[in-house]
């Protein structure tokens, strides 16, 4: 897929407008309003927002130690009016109310560990339209434990040449278990120190490299 399609056919001004009108945008705003007390209680803060493209596509790669992580990332990205679609495990769609929310928010179900090419293709098409896609290299909720990186990140990056990978380290979310003590959740964006995917780079090695870089800023808690 040539990612220049989205850039050549849509101007930055039109792309910004398209993002604000995209399916799920209004629902995101409603969810943010509902979760405002949680944002305050969790003391969500950000760093490195300058690494987040103001327009155009990107692959957002993050750790996933707590259920709060994707919500915190979405919230912080909305501060720059960038909407994020996650590749989320398909079992979340088994609960009908949750399935409705996920569908309305245009999230993408993926069958973990099954080489779900359909989900990756859907993500690649979204990237071609100039959207941002979120993916967790460990492929599941890690709860801060040691898990190996999976190849999905590499396969998606390979399908989207030229699209930047932006890393995200979320810290403090695991402290939710210390309730009622308030956590301090930090969402930090940064570029991969080892650079973007190289043409000859092994898929597993690239995914693991990204995860290792994230873990330097968001160490495992177990």
N, C-alpha and C. Protein backbone atom coordinates (compact mmCIF):
# COMPACT_ATOMS: atom_id res chain seq x y z
N UNK A 1 0.84 -1.21 0.00
CA UNK A 1 0.00 0.00 0.00
C UNK A 1 0.87 1.24 0.00
N UNK A 2 0.59 2.19 -0.84
CA UNK A 2 1.33 3.43 -0.89
C UNK A 2 0.58 4.47 -0.07
N UNK A 3 1.18 4.90 1.04
CA UNK A 3 0.48 5.80 1.95
C UNK A 3 0.36 7.21 1.40
N UNK A 4 1.02 7.48 0.27
CA UNK A 4 0.90 8.81 -0.31
C UNK A 4 -0.49 9.05 -0.88
N UNK A 5 -1.30 7.99 -1.00
CA UNK A 5 -2.65 8.15 -1.54
C UNK A 5 -3.44 9.15 -0.73
N UNK A 6 -3.43 8.96 0.62
CA UNK A 6 -4.19 9.86 1.49
C UNK A 6 -3.61 11.26 1.45
N UNK A 7 -2.27 11.35 1.41
CA UNK A 7 -1.64 12.66 1.47
C UNK A 7 -1.86 13.43 0.17
N UNK A 8 -1.86 12.72 -0.97
CA UNK A 8 -1.98 13.40 -2.25
C UNK A 8 -3.42 13.82 -2.56
N UNK A 9 -4.39 13.04 -2.07
CA UNK A 9 -5.78 13.29 -2.46
C UNK A 9 -6.52 14.18 -1.48
N UNK A 10 -5.97 14.39 -0.28
CA UNK A 10 -6.64 15.19 0.73
C UNK A 10 -5.67 16.22 1.29
N UNK A 11 -6.07 17.47 1.25
CA UNK A 11 -5.22 18.53 1.79
C UNK A 11 -5.25 18.48 3.31
N UNK A 12 -4.23 19.06 4.01
CA UNK A 12 -4.24 19.07 5.46
C UNK A 12 -5.50 19.69 6.05
N UNK A 13 -6.00 20.75 5.41
CA UNK A 13 -7.22 21.40 5.93
C UNK A 13 -8.42 20.47 5.82
N UNK A 14 -8.52 19.80 4.64
CA UNK A 14 -9.63 18.87 4.43
C UNK A 14 -9.51 17.66 5.35
N UNK A 15 -8.27 17.23 5.60
CA UNK A 15 -8.05 16.06 6.45
C UNK A 15 -8.46 16.37 7.87
N UNK A 16 -8.10 17.57 8.37
CA UNK A 16 -8.49 17.96 9.71
C UNK A 16 -10.01 17.97 9.85
N UNK A 17 -10.69 18.51 8.84
CA UNK A 17 -12.15 18.55 8.87
C UNK A 17 -12.72 17.14 8.81
N UNK A 18 -12.10 16.27 7.99
CA UNK A 18 -12.59 14.91 7.87
C UNK A 18 -12.47 14.17 9.20
N UNK A 19 -11.38 14.43 9.94
CA UNK A 19 -11.19 13.79 11.24
C UNK A 19 -12.31 14.18 12.19
N UNK A 20 -12.68 15.47 12.21
CA UNK A 20 -13.70 15.94 13.14
C UNK A 20 -15.07 15.37 12.81
N UNK A 21 -15.26 14.96 11.54
CA UNK A 21 -16.56 14.45 11.13
C UNK A 21 -16.58 12.92 11.05
N UNK A 22 -15.45 12.30 11.35
CA UNK A 22 -15.34 10.86 11.20
C UNK A 22 -16.24 10.13 12.17
N UNK A 23 -16.69 8.95 11.75
CA UNK A 23 -17.52 8.11 12.61
C UNK A 23 -16.83 7.87 13.94
N UNK A 24 -17.57 8.04 15.01
CA UNK A 24 -17.03 7.81 16.34
C UNK A 24 -16.58 9.07 17.05
N UNK A 25 -16.42 10.17 16.30
CA UNK A 25 -15.91 11.40 16.92
C UNK A 25 -16.84 11.90 18.02
N UNK A 26 -18.14 11.96 17.73
CA UNK A 26 -19.08 12.47 18.73
C UNK A 26 -19.14 11.54 19.94
N UNK A 27 -19.08 10.23 19.68
CA UNK A 27 -19.10 9.29 20.80
C UNK A 27 -17.86 9.46 21.67
N UNK A 28 -16.72 9.70 21.04
CA UNK A 28 -15.50 9.94 21.81
C UNK A 28 -15.69 11.13 22.74
N UNK A 29 -16.34 12.18 22.24
CA UNK A 29 -16.55 13.37 23.06
C UNK A 29 -17.48 13.07 24.23
N UNK A 30 -18.50 12.26 23.99
CA UNK A 30 -19.43 11.88 25.06
C UNK A 30 -18.70 11.06 26.12
N UNK A 31 -17.90 10.10 25.67
CA UNK A 31 -17.15 9.26 26.60
C UNK A 31 -16.18 10.10 27.42
N UNK A 32 -15.54 11.05 26.78
CA UNK A 32 -14.62 11.94 27.51
C UNK A 32 -15.34 12.71 28.60
N UNK A 33 -16.55 13.16 28.28
CA UNK A 33 -17.33 13.90 29.27
C UNK A 33 -17.70 13.01 30.45
N UNK A 34 -18.11 11.77 30.15
CA UNK A 34 -18.49 10.84 31.20
C UNK A 34 -17.29 10.49 32.07
N UNK A 35 -16.14 10.35 31.44
CA UNK A 35 -14.95 9.91 32.16
C UNK A 35 -14.13 11.07 32.73
N UNK A 36 -14.65 12.28 32.64
CA UNK A 36 -13.89 13.43 33.15
C UNK A 36 -13.50 13.27 34.62
N UNK A 37 -14.41 12.76 35.49
CA UNK A 37 -14.00 12.54 36.89
C UNK A 37 -12.84 11.55 37.01
N UNK A 38 -12.84 10.50 36.15
CA UNK A 38 -11.75 9.53 36.18
C UNK A 38 -10.44 10.18 35.75
N UNK A 39 -10.51 11.04 34.73
CA UNK A 39 -9.31 11.74 34.28
C UNK A 39 -8.73 12.59 35.39
N UNK A 40 -9.62 13.27 36.14
CA UNK A 40 -9.16 14.09 37.24
C UNK A 40 -8.57 13.22 38.35
N UNK A 41 -9.27 12.14 38.69
CA UNK A 41 -8.82 11.30 39.79
C UNK A 41 -7.49 10.61 39.46
N UNK A 42 -7.33 10.20 38.20
CA UNK A 42 -6.10 9.51 37.79
C UNK A 42 -4.96 10.48 37.49
N UNK A 43 -5.24 11.79 37.53
CA UNK A 43 -4.23 12.82 37.31
C UNK A 43 -3.45 12.55 36.01
N UNK A 44 -4.20 12.42 34.93
CA UNK A 44 -3.60 12.12 33.63
C UNK A 44 -2.79 13.31 33.12
N UNK A 45 -1.57 13.05 32.75
CA UNK A 45 -0.71 14.09 32.18
C UNK A 45 0.02 13.52 30.97
N UNK A 46 0.56 14.39 30.14
CA UNK A 46 1.19 13.95 28.91
C UNK A 46 2.58 14.55 28.75
N UNK A 47 3.35 13.90 27.88
CA UNK A 47 4.69 14.38 27.50
C UNK A 47 4.94 13.95 26.07
N UNK A 48 5.59 14.82 25.32
CA UNK A 48 5.99 14.45 23.96
C UNK A 48 4.90 14.54 22.92
N UNK A 49 3.86 15.34 23.16
CA UNK A 49 2.79 15.46 22.18
C UNK A 49 3.29 16.02 20.84
N UNK A 50 4.46 16.65 20.87
CA UNK A 50 5.00 17.17 19.62
C UNK A 50 5.39 16.05 18.65
N UNK A 51 5.53 14.83 19.15
CA UNK A 51 5.86 13.70 18.28
C UNK A 51 4.61 13.15 17.57
N UNK A 52 3.45 13.62 17.97
CA UNK A 52 2.21 13.16 17.37
C UNK A 52 1.90 14.02 16.15
N UNK A 53 1.83 13.44 14.95
CA UNK A 53 1.56 14.24 13.75
C UNK A 53 0.24 15.01 13.88
N UNK A 54 0.26 16.28 13.45
CA UNK A 54 -0.95 17.09 13.52
C UNK A 54 -1.99 16.62 12.51
N UNK A 55 -1.53 16.08 11.40
CA UNK A 55 -2.41 15.54 10.37
C UNK A 55 -1.76 14.29 9.79
N UNK A 56 -2.55 13.52 9.08
CA UNK A 56 -2.02 12.35 8.41
C UNK A 56 -1.94 11.13 9.31
N UNK A 57 -1.61 9.99 8.73
CA UNK A 57 -1.64 8.73 9.45
C UNK A 57 -0.42 8.49 10.33
N UNK A 58 -0.57 7.58 11.26
CA UNK A 58 0.54 7.12 12.10
C UNK A 58 0.10 5.83 12.78
N UNK A 59 1.08 5.01 13.14
CA UNK A 59 0.84 3.82 13.94
C UNK A 59 1.27 4.11 15.37
N UNK A 60 0.33 4.03 16.28
CA UNK A 60 0.58 4.34 17.68
C UNK A 60 0.79 3.03 18.43
N UNK A 61 2.01 2.81 18.93
CA UNK A 61 2.39 1.53 19.53
C UNK A 61 2.67 1.76 21.02
N UNK A 62 1.93 1.03 21.86
CA UNK A 62 1.99 1.31 23.30
C UNK A 62 2.01 0.04 24.13
N UNK A 63 2.46 0.18 25.38
CA UNK A 63 2.30 -0.88 26.36
C UNK A 63 0.83 -0.92 26.80
N UNK A 64 0.44 -2.04 27.41
CA UNK A 64 -0.96 -2.21 27.83
C UNK A 64 -0.95 -2.95 29.17
N UNK A 65 -0.61 -2.22 30.23
CA UNK A 65 -0.50 -2.81 31.56
C UNK A 65 -1.80 -2.76 32.34
N UNK A 66 -2.73 -1.92 31.90
CA UNK A 66 -3.99 -1.72 32.62
C UNK A 66 -5.10 -1.39 31.63
N UNK A 67 -6.35 -1.66 32.04
CA UNK A 67 -7.49 -1.28 31.19
C UNK A 67 -7.57 0.22 30.98
N UNK A 68 -6.89 0.99 31.86
CA UNK A 68 -6.93 2.44 31.76
C UNK A 68 -6.05 2.97 30.63
N UNK A 69 -5.06 2.19 30.20
CA UNK A 69 -4.08 2.69 29.21
C UNK A 69 -4.73 3.21 27.92
N UNK A 70 -5.57 2.42 27.25
CA UNK A 70 -6.15 2.94 26.00
C UNK A 70 -7.01 4.17 26.22
N UNK A 71 -7.73 4.23 27.34
CA UNK A 71 -8.56 5.40 27.63
C UNK A 71 -7.68 6.64 27.83
N UNK A 72 -6.56 6.46 28.52
CA UNK A 72 -5.65 7.59 28.76
C UNK A 72 -5.03 8.07 27.45
N UNK A 73 -4.64 7.14 26.59
CA UNK A 73 -4.04 7.51 25.31
C UNK A 73 -5.05 8.25 24.44
N UNK A 74 -6.27 7.73 24.37
CA UNK A 74 -7.32 8.39 23.59
C UNK A 74 -7.57 9.79 24.11
N UNK A 75 -7.67 9.94 25.42
CA UNK A 75 -7.93 11.25 26.02
C UNK A 75 -6.84 12.25 25.65
N UNK A 76 -5.58 11.86 25.83
CA UNK A 76 -4.47 12.78 25.55
C UNK A 76 -4.41 13.13 24.07
N UNK A 77 -4.64 12.16 23.20
CA UNK A 77 -4.60 12.45 21.77
C UNK A 77 -5.71 13.39 21.35
N UNK A 78 -6.84 13.32 22.02
CA UNK A 78 -7.95 14.22 21.70
C UNK A 78 -7.60 15.66 22.06
N UNK A 79 -6.62 15.86 22.92
CA UNK A 79 -6.17 17.22 23.22
C UNK A 79 -5.60 17.87 21.96
N UNK A 80 -5.11 17.06 21.04
CA UNK A 80 -4.62 17.55 19.75
C UNK A 80 -5.61 17.27 18.62
N UNK A 81 -6.83 16.90 19.01
CA UNK A 81 -7.91 16.62 18.06
C UNK A 81 -7.53 15.51 17.09
N UNK A 82 -6.82 14.51 17.61
CA UNK A 82 -6.49 13.33 16.82
C UNK A 82 -7.24 12.14 17.38
N UNK A 83 -8.04 11.53 16.53
CA UNK A 83 -8.83 10.37 16.93
C UNK A 83 -8.03 9.10 16.69
N UNK A 84 -8.16 8.13 17.57
CA UNK A 84 -7.39 6.90 17.49
C UNK A 84 -8.32 5.70 17.41
N UNK A 85 -8.02 4.80 16.48
CA UNK A 85 -8.75 3.54 16.37
C UNK A 85 -7.81 2.42 16.78
N UNK A 86 -8.26 1.60 17.72
CA UNK A 86 -7.43 0.51 18.21
C UNK A 86 -7.78 -0.80 17.51
N UNK A 87 -6.78 -1.63 17.37
CA UNK A 87 -6.99 -3.04 17.08
C UNK A 87 -7.25 -3.70 18.44
N UNK A 88 -8.47 -4.14 18.66
CA UNK A 88 -8.88 -4.66 19.97
C UNK A 88 -9.29 -6.12 19.85
N UNK A 89 -9.04 -6.90 20.89
CA UNK A 89 -9.34 -8.33 20.83
C UNK A 89 -10.84 -8.56 20.60
N UNK A 90 -11.14 -9.51 19.73
CA UNK A 90 -12.51 -9.72 19.27
C UNK A 90 -13.46 -10.16 20.39
N UNK A 91 -12.93 -10.72 21.46
CA UNK A 91 -13.79 -11.18 22.55
C UNK A 91 -14.50 -10.03 23.27
N UNK A 92 -14.00 -8.81 23.10
CA UNK A 92 -14.67 -7.66 23.70
C UNK A 92 -16.04 -7.43 23.09
N UNK A 93 -16.26 -7.96 21.89
CA UNK A 93 -17.54 -7.79 21.19
C UNK A 93 -18.60 -8.79 21.66
N UNK A 94 -18.25 -9.70 22.57
CA UNK A 94 -19.21 -10.69 23.04
C UNK A 94 -20.28 -10.08 23.93
N UNK A 95 -19.94 -8.97 24.61
CA UNK A 95 -20.88 -8.28 25.49
C UNK A 95 -21.57 -7.19 24.67
N UNK A 96 -22.88 -7.35 24.43
CA UNK A 96 -23.58 -6.50 23.47
C UNK A 96 -23.43 -4.99 23.70
N UNK A 97 -23.61 -4.50 24.94
CA UNK A 97 -23.43 -3.06 25.14
C UNK A 97 -22.02 -2.59 24.77
N UNK A 98 -21.03 -3.40 25.14
CA UNK A 98 -19.65 -3.06 24.79
C UNK A 98 -19.44 -3.13 23.28
N UNK A 99 -20.05 -4.14 22.65
CA UNK A 99 -19.93 -4.27 21.19
C UNK A 99 -20.50 -3.03 20.49
N UNK A 100 -21.63 -2.53 20.98
CA UNK A 100 -22.23 -1.34 20.37
C UNK A 100 -21.30 -0.15 20.49
N UNK A 101 -20.71 0.04 21.67
CA UNK A 101 -19.80 1.17 21.89
C UNK A 101 -18.58 1.05 20.98
N UNK A 102 -18.01 -0.14 20.91
CA UNK A 102 -16.82 -0.35 20.09
C UNK A 102 -17.12 -0.12 18.61
N UNK A 103 -18.28 -0.58 18.16
CA UNK A 103 -18.66 -0.37 16.76
C UNK A 103 -18.89 1.11 16.46
N UNK A 104 -19.57 1.79 17.36
CA UNK A 104 -19.83 3.20 17.15
C UNK A 104 -18.54 4.03 17.18
N UNK A 105 -17.57 3.55 17.95
CA UNK A 105 -16.28 4.23 18.02
C UNK A 105 -15.33 3.76 16.92
N UNK A 106 -15.82 2.87 16.04
CA UNK A 106 -15.08 2.39 14.87
C UNK A 106 -13.79 1.67 15.24
N UNK A 107 -13.80 0.94 16.36
CA UNK A 107 -12.64 0.13 16.71
C UNK A 107 -12.61 -1.12 15.82
N UNK A 108 -11.46 -1.74 15.72
CA UNK A 108 -11.27 -2.85 14.79
C UNK A 108 -11.03 -4.14 15.57
N UNK A 109 -11.94 -5.13 15.46
CA UNK A 109 -11.73 -6.40 16.18
C UNK A 109 -10.65 -7.23 15.52
N UNK A 110 -9.83 -7.87 16.33
CA UNK A 110 -8.78 -8.73 15.81
C UNK A 110 -8.72 -10.01 16.64
N UNK A 111 -8.55 -11.12 15.94
CA UNK A 111 -8.40 -12.41 16.62
C UNK A 111 -6.92 -12.61 16.91
N UNK A 112 -6.57 -12.48 18.16
CA UNK A 112 -5.17 -12.55 18.56
C UNK A 112 -4.62 -13.96 18.34
N UNK A 113 -3.37 -14.00 17.88
CA UNK A 113 -2.68 -15.27 17.74
C UNK A 113 -3.16 -16.13 16.59
N UNK A 114 -4.02 -15.59 15.71
CA UNK A 114 -4.56 -16.37 14.61
C UNK A 114 -4.15 -15.83 13.24
N UNK A 115 -3.23 -14.88 13.24
CA UNK A 115 -2.82 -14.30 11.97
C UNK A 115 -3.98 -13.64 11.24
N UNK A 116 -4.72 -12.80 11.96
CA UNK A 116 -5.94 -12.20 11.43
C UNK A 116 -5.60 -11.15 10.37
N UNK A 117 -5.43 -11.59 9.14
CA UNK A 117 -5.07 -10.68 8.06
C UNK A 117 -6.20 -9.72 7.72
N UNK A 118 -7.44 -10.14 7.96
CA UNK A 118 -8.57 -9.26 7.68
C UNK A 118 -8.53 -8.01 8.54
N UNK A 119 -8.21 -8.18 9.82
CA UNK A 119 -8.12 -7.04 10.74
C UNK A 119 -6.97 -6.13 10.34
N UNK A 120 -5.84 -6.72 10.00
CA UNK A 120 -4.68 -5.92 9.60
C UNK A 120 -4.96 -5.19 8.29
N UNK A 121 -5.69 -5.84 7.38
CA UNK A 121 -6.06 -5.17 6.12
C UNK A 121 -6.97 -3.98 6.39
N UNK A 122 -7.93 -4.16 7.31
CA UNK A 122 -8.84 -3.05 7.66
C UNK A 122 -8.06 -1.90 8.27
N UNK A 123 -7.07 -2.21 9.10
CA UNK A 123 -6.25 -1.17 9.71
C UNK A 123 -5.43 -0.46 8.64
N UNK A 124 -4.89 -1.21 7.68
CA UNK A 124 -4.09 -0.60 6.62
C UNK A 124 -4.93 0.33 5.75
N UNK A 125 -6.17 -0.05 5.49
CA UNK A 125 -7.08 0.81 4.71
C UNK A 125 -7.35 2.10 5.48
N UNK A 126 -7.55 1.99 6.79
CA UNK A 126 -7.79 3.18 7.60
C UNK A 126 -6.58 4.11 7.58
N UNK A 127 -5.39 3.52 7.65
CA UNK A 127 -4.16 4.31 7.58
C UNK A 127 -4.06 5.03 6.24
N UNK A 128 -4.44 4.33 5.18
CA UNK A 128 -4.40 4.94 3.85
C UNK A 128 -5.32 6.15 3.76
N UNK A 129 -6.39 6.14 4.56
CA UNK A 129 -7.31 7.29 4.58
C UNK A 129 -6.79 8.42 5.46
N UNK A 130 -5.65 8.22 6.09
CA UNK A 130 -5.08 9.28 6.93
C UNK A 130 -5.39 9.13 8.40
N UNK A 131 -5.87 7.97 8.81
CA UNK A 131 -6.24 7.76 10.21
C UNK A 131 -5.06 7.25 11.03
N UNK A 132 -5.24 7.32 12.34
CA UNK A 132 -4.24 6.80 13.27
C UNK A 132 -4.76 5.49 13.87
N UNK A 133 -3.87 4.49 13.89
CA UNK A 133 -4.23 3.17 14.38
C UNK A 133 -3.36 2.84 15.59
N UNK A 134 -4.02 2.38 16.66
CA UNK A 134 -3.30 1.98 17.87
C UNK A 134 -3.18 0.47 17.95
N UNK A 135 -2.02 0.01 18.35
CA UNK A 135 -1.78 -1.43 18.47
C UNK A 135 -0.83 -1.69 19.63
N UNK A 136 -1.07 -2.78 20.35
CA UNK A 136 -0.24 -3.16 21.49
C UNK A 136 0.69 -4.29 21.05
N UNK A 137 2.00 -4.09 21.11
CA UNK A 137 2.92 -5.11 20.61
C UNK A 137 2.83 -6.45 21.34
N UNK A 138 2.42 -6.43 22.60
CA UNK A 138 2.28 -7.68 23.35
C UNK A 138 1.00 -8.43 22.99
N UNK A 139 0.08 -7.73 22.33
CA UNK A 139 -1.12 -8.38 21.82
C UNK A 139 -2.22 -8.60 22.82
N UNK A 140 -2.02 -8.19 24.06
CA UNK A 140 -3.04 -8.40 25.08
C UNK A 140 -2.72 -7.56 26.31
N UNK A 141 -3.60 -7.59 27.29
CA UNK A 141 -3.37 -6.89 28.55
C UNK A 141 -2.27 -7.63 29.31
N UNK A 142 -1.15 -6.96 29.54
CA UNK A 142 0.00 -7.62 30.15
C UNK A 142 0.01 -7.55 31.67
N UNK A 143 -0.70 -6.54 32.22
CA UNK A 143 -0.68 -6.29 33.67
C UNK A 143 0.74 -6.10 34.19
N UNK A 144 1.61 -5.63 33.31
CA UNK A 144 2.98 -5.34 33.71
C UNK A 144 3.89 -6.54 33.79
N UNK A 145 3.43 -7.71 33.34
CA UNK A 145 4.25 -8.91 33.39
C UNK A 145 5.07 -9.04 32.11
N UNK A 146 5.98 -10.01 32.11
CA UNK A 146 6.84 -10.21 30.95
C UNK A 146 6.10 -10.99 29.87
N UNK A 147 5.87 -10.36 28.74
CA UNK A 147 5.27 -11.00 27.57
C UNK A 147 6.13 -10.65 26.36
N UNK A 148 6.25 -11.57 25.43
CA UNK A 148 7.02 -11.29 24.23
C UNK A 148 6.20 -10.46 23.26
N UNK A 149 6.89 -9.72 22.43
CA UNK A 149 6.22 -8.95 21.39
C UNK A 149 5.72 -9.88 20.30
N UNK A 150 4.62 -9.53 19.68
CA UNK A 150 4.08 -10.30 18.57
C UNK A 150 4.35 -9.57 17.25
N UNK A 151 4.16 -10.28 16.16
CA UNK A 151 4.57 -9.76 14.86
C UNK A 151 3.55 -8.83 14.21
N UNK A 152 2.36 -8.67 14.82
CA UNK A 152 1.33 -7.85 14.21
C UNK A 152 1.78 -6.43 13.92
N UNK A 153 2.55 -5.84 14.85
CA UNK A 153 3.05 -4.48 14.65
C UNK A 153 3.90 -4.41 13.39
N UNK A 154 4.80 -5.38 13.23
CA UNK A 154 5.70 -5.39 12.08
C UNK A 154 4.93 -5.59 10.78
N UNK A 155 3.94 -6.47 10.80
CA UNK A 155 3.17 -6.74 9.58
C UNK A 155 2.39 -5.50 9.16
N UNK A 156 1.85 -4.79 10.12
CA UNK A 156 1.10 -3.58 9.79
C UNK A 156 2.04 -2.49 9.30
N UNK A 157 3.19 -2.34 9.95
CA UNK A 157 4.17 -1.35 9.50
C UNK A 157 4.66 -1.66 8.10
N UNK A 158 4.85 -2.94 7.82
CA UNK A 158 5.31 -3.34 6.49
C UNK A 158 4.25 -3.05 5.43
N UNK A 159 2.98 -3.15 5.81
CA UNK A 159 1.88 -2.88 4.88
C UNK A 159 1.65 -1.39 4.67
N UNK A 160 2.27 -0.58 5.50
CA UNK A 160 2.06 0.88 5.44
C UNK A 160 3.40 1.59 5.31
N UNK A 161 4.14 1.37 4.23
CA UNK A 161 5.47 1.99 4.10
C UNK A 161 5.38 3.52 4.12
N UNK A 162 6.31 4.10 4.86
CA UNK A 162 6.34 5.56 4.95
C UNK A 162 5.50 6.15 6.05
N UNK A 163 4.64 5.33 6.66
CA UNK A 163 3.81 5.83 7.77
C UNK A 163 4.60 5.74 9.06
N UNK A 164 4.73 6.84 9.80
CA UNK A 164 5.56 6.81 11.00
C UNK A 164 4.97 5.97 12.13
N UNK A 165 5.86 5.29 12.83
CA UNK A 165 5.50 4.61 14.06
C UNK A 165 5.85 5.53 15.22
N UNK A 166 4.86 5.81 16.06
CA UNK A 166 5.07 6.64 17.25
C UNK A 166 4.88 5.75 18.47
N UNK A 167 5.87 5.73 19.34
CA UNK A 167 5.79 4.90 20.54
C UNK A 167 5.14 5.67 21.68
N UNK A 168 4.46 4.92 22.54
CA UNK A 168 3.79 5.52 23.70
C UNK A 168 4.10 4.67 24.93
N UNK A 169 4.54 5.32 25.98
CA UNK A 169 4.76 4.65 27.25
C UNK A 169 3.76 5.21 28.26
N UNK A 170 2.92 4.33 28.78
CA UNK A 170 1.94 4.74 29.80
C UNK A 170 2.41 4.20 31.15
N UNK A 171 2.57 5.09 32.10
CA UNK A 171 3.00 4.68 33.44
C UNK A 171 1.98 5.16 34.47
N UNK A 172 1.94 4.46 35.59
CA UNK A 172 1.06 4.85 36.69
C UNK A 172 -0.30 4.19 36.67
N UNK A 173 -0.69 3.63 35.53
CA UNK A 173 -2.04 3.05 35.43
C UNK A 173 -2.18 1.79 36.28
N UNK A 174 -1.08 1.08 36.51
CA UNK A 174 -1.14 -0.13 37.34
C UNK A 174 -1.41 0.19 38.80
N UNK A 175 -1.25 1.45 39.17
CA UNK A 175 -1.47 1.84 40.57
C UNK A 175 -2.95 1.93 40.91
N UNK A 176 -3.83 1.67 39.93
CA UNK A 176 -5.27 1.68 40.20
C UNK A 176 -5.63 0.68 41.30
N UNK A 177 -4.86 -0.39 41.41
CA UNK A 177 -5.15 -1.42 42.41
C UNK A 177 -4.91 -0.93 43.83
N UNK A 178 -4.30 0.24 43.97
CA UNK A 178 -4.04 0.80 45.30
C UNK A 178 -5.18 1.71 45.76
N UNK A 179 -6.30 1.66 45.06
CA UNK A 179 -7.46 2.47 45.44
C UNK A 179 -7.72 2.33 46.94
N UNK A 180 -8.03 3.43 47.64
CA UNK A 180 -8.42 4.76 47.14
C UNK A 180 -7.27 5.74 46.89
N UNK A 181 -6.03 5.27 47.02
CA UNK A 181 -4.91 6.16 46.71
C UNK A 181 -4.95 6.53 45.25
N UNK A 182 -4.83 7.82 44.95
CA UNK A 182 -4.91 8.29 43.58
C UNK A 182 -3.63 7.97 42.81
N UNK A 183 -3.76 7.41 41.60
CA UNK A 183 -2.58 7.20 40.76
C UNK A 183 -2.18 8.50 40.08
N UNK A 184 -1.05 8.48 39.43
CA UNK A 184 -0.65 9.59 38.56
C UNK A 184 -0.25 8.98 37.23
N UNK A 185 -1.14 9.07 36.26
CA UNK A 185 -0.94 8.41 34.98
C UNK A 185 -0.27 9.36 34.00
N UNK A 186 0.83 8.90 33.44
CA UNK A 186 1.60 9.70 32.49
C UNK A 186 1.60 9.00 31.14
N UNK A 187 1.29 9.74 30.10
CA UNK A 187 1.29 9.23 28.72
C UNK A 187 2.38 9.96 27.96
N UNK A 188 3.43 9.23 27.58
CA UNK A 188 4.57 9.85 26.91
C UNK A 188 4.72 9.32 25.49
N UNK A 189 4.75 10.24 24.53
CA UNK A 189 4.94 9.91 23.13
C UNK A 189 6.41 10.14 22.75
N UNK A 190 6.96 9.28 21.89
CA UNK A 190 8.34 9.47 21.46
C UNK A 190 8.60 8.64 20.20
N UNK A 191 9.62 9.03 19.46
CA UNK A 191 10.01 8.30 18.26
C UNK A 191 10.91 7.12 18.64
N UNK A 192 10.86 6.05 17.86
CA UNK A 192 11.76 4.93 18.13
C UNK A 192 13.22 5.35 17.98
N UNK A 193 14.01 5.14 19.03
CA UNK A 193 15.42 5.53 18.98
C UNK A 193 16.16 4.74 17.91
N UNK A 194 15.72 3.52 17.66
CA UNK A 194 16.36 2.69 16.64
C UNK A 194 15.86 2.95 15.24
N UNK A 195 14.98 3.93 15.10
CA UNK A 195 14.46 4.28 13.79
C UNK A 195 13.24 3.48 13.39
N UNK A 196 12.72 3.78 12.23
CA UNK A 196 11.54 3.09 11.71
C UNK A 196 11.94 1.72 11.16
N UNK A 197 10.95 0.96 10.71
CA UNK A 197 11.19 -0.37 10.18
C UNK A 197 12.13 -0.31 8.98
N UNK A 198 13.20 -1.11 9.05
CA UNK A 198 14.16 -1.18 7.95
C UNK A 198 13.73 -2.28 6.95
N UNK A 199 14.00 -2.11 5.68
CA UNK A 199 13.55 -3.07 4.67
C UNK A 199 13.97 -4.51 4.96
N UNK A 200 15.16 -4.68 5.53
CA UNK A 200 15.68 -6.02 5.77
C UNK A 200 15.50 -6.48 7.22
N UNK A 201 14.73 -5.73 8.00
CA UNK A 201 14.60 -6.06 9.42
C UNK A 201 13.60 -7.18 9.64
N UNK A 202 13.99 -8.13 10.48
CA UNK A 202 13.11 -9.26 10.80
C UNK A 202 11.88 -8.77 11.55
N UNK A 203 10.71 -9.35 11.23
CA UNK A 203 9.44 -8.92 11.83
C UNK A 203 9.46 -9.04 13.35
N UNK A 204 9.91 -10.18 13.85
CA UNK A 204 9.93 -10.38 15.29
C UNK A 204 10.90 -9.43 15.98
N UNK A 205 12.05 -9.23 15.35
CA UNK A 205 13.05 -8.34 15.93
C UNK A 205 12.55 -6.90 16.00
N UNK A 206 11.84 -6.45 14.96
CA UNK A 206 11.31 -5.08 14.97
C UNK A 206 10.28 -4.90 16.07
N UNK A 207 9.33 -5.83 16.17
CA UNK A 207 8.31 -5.74 17.22
C UNK A 207 8.95 -5.74 18.60
N UNK A 208 9.93 -6.61 18.80
CA UNK A 208 10.59 -6.69 20.10
C UNK A 208 11.39 -5.43 20.39
N UNK A 209 12.02 -4.87 19.36
CA UNK A 209 12.78 -3.63 19.54
C UNK A 209 11.89 -2.50 20.02
N UNK A 210 10.71 -2.38 19.41
CA UNK A 210 9.78 -1.34 19.83
C UNK A 210 9.33 -1.56 21.26
N UNK A 211 8.98 -2.80 21.60
CA UNK A 211 8.54 -3.09 22.96
C UNK A 211 9.64 -2.81 23.97
N UNK A 212 10.87 -3.17 23.64
CA UNK A 212 11.98 -2.93 24.56
C UNK A 212 12.17 -1.43 24.80
N UNK A 213 12.02 -0.63 23.74
CA UNK A 213 12.15 0.82 23.91
C UNK A 213 11.05 1.36 24.80
N UNK A 214 9.84 0.86 24.60
CA UNK A 214 8.72 1.31 25.45
C UNK A 214 8.99 0.95 26.90
N UNK A 215 9.53 -0.25 27.12
CA UNK A 215 9.77 -0.74 28.48
C UNK A 215 10.92 0.00 29.19
N UNK A 216 11.74 0.72 28.44
CA UNK A 216 12.74 1.54 29.10
C UNK A 216 12.10 2.72 29.81
N UNK A 217 10.93 3.13 29.33
CA UNK A 217 10.21 4.25 29.94
C UNK A 217 9.03 3.79 30.80
N UNK A 218 8.53 2.59 30.53
CA UNK A 218 7.42 2.03 31.29
C UNK A 218 7.82 0.63 31.75
N UNK A 219 8.68 0.54 32.76
CA UNK A 219 9.19 -0.77 33.20
C UNK A 219 8.06 -1.69 33.66
N UNK A 220 8.29 -2.97 33.48
CA UNK A 220 7.33 -3.97 33.97
C UNK A 220 7.27 -3.88 35.48
N UNK A 221 6.11 -4.14 36.02
CA UNK A 221 5.90 -4.02 37.46
C UNK A 221 5.97 -5.38 38.16
N UNK A 222 6.07 -6.47 37.39
CA UNK A 222 6.15 -7.81 37.98
C UNK A 222 7.30 -8.58 37.36
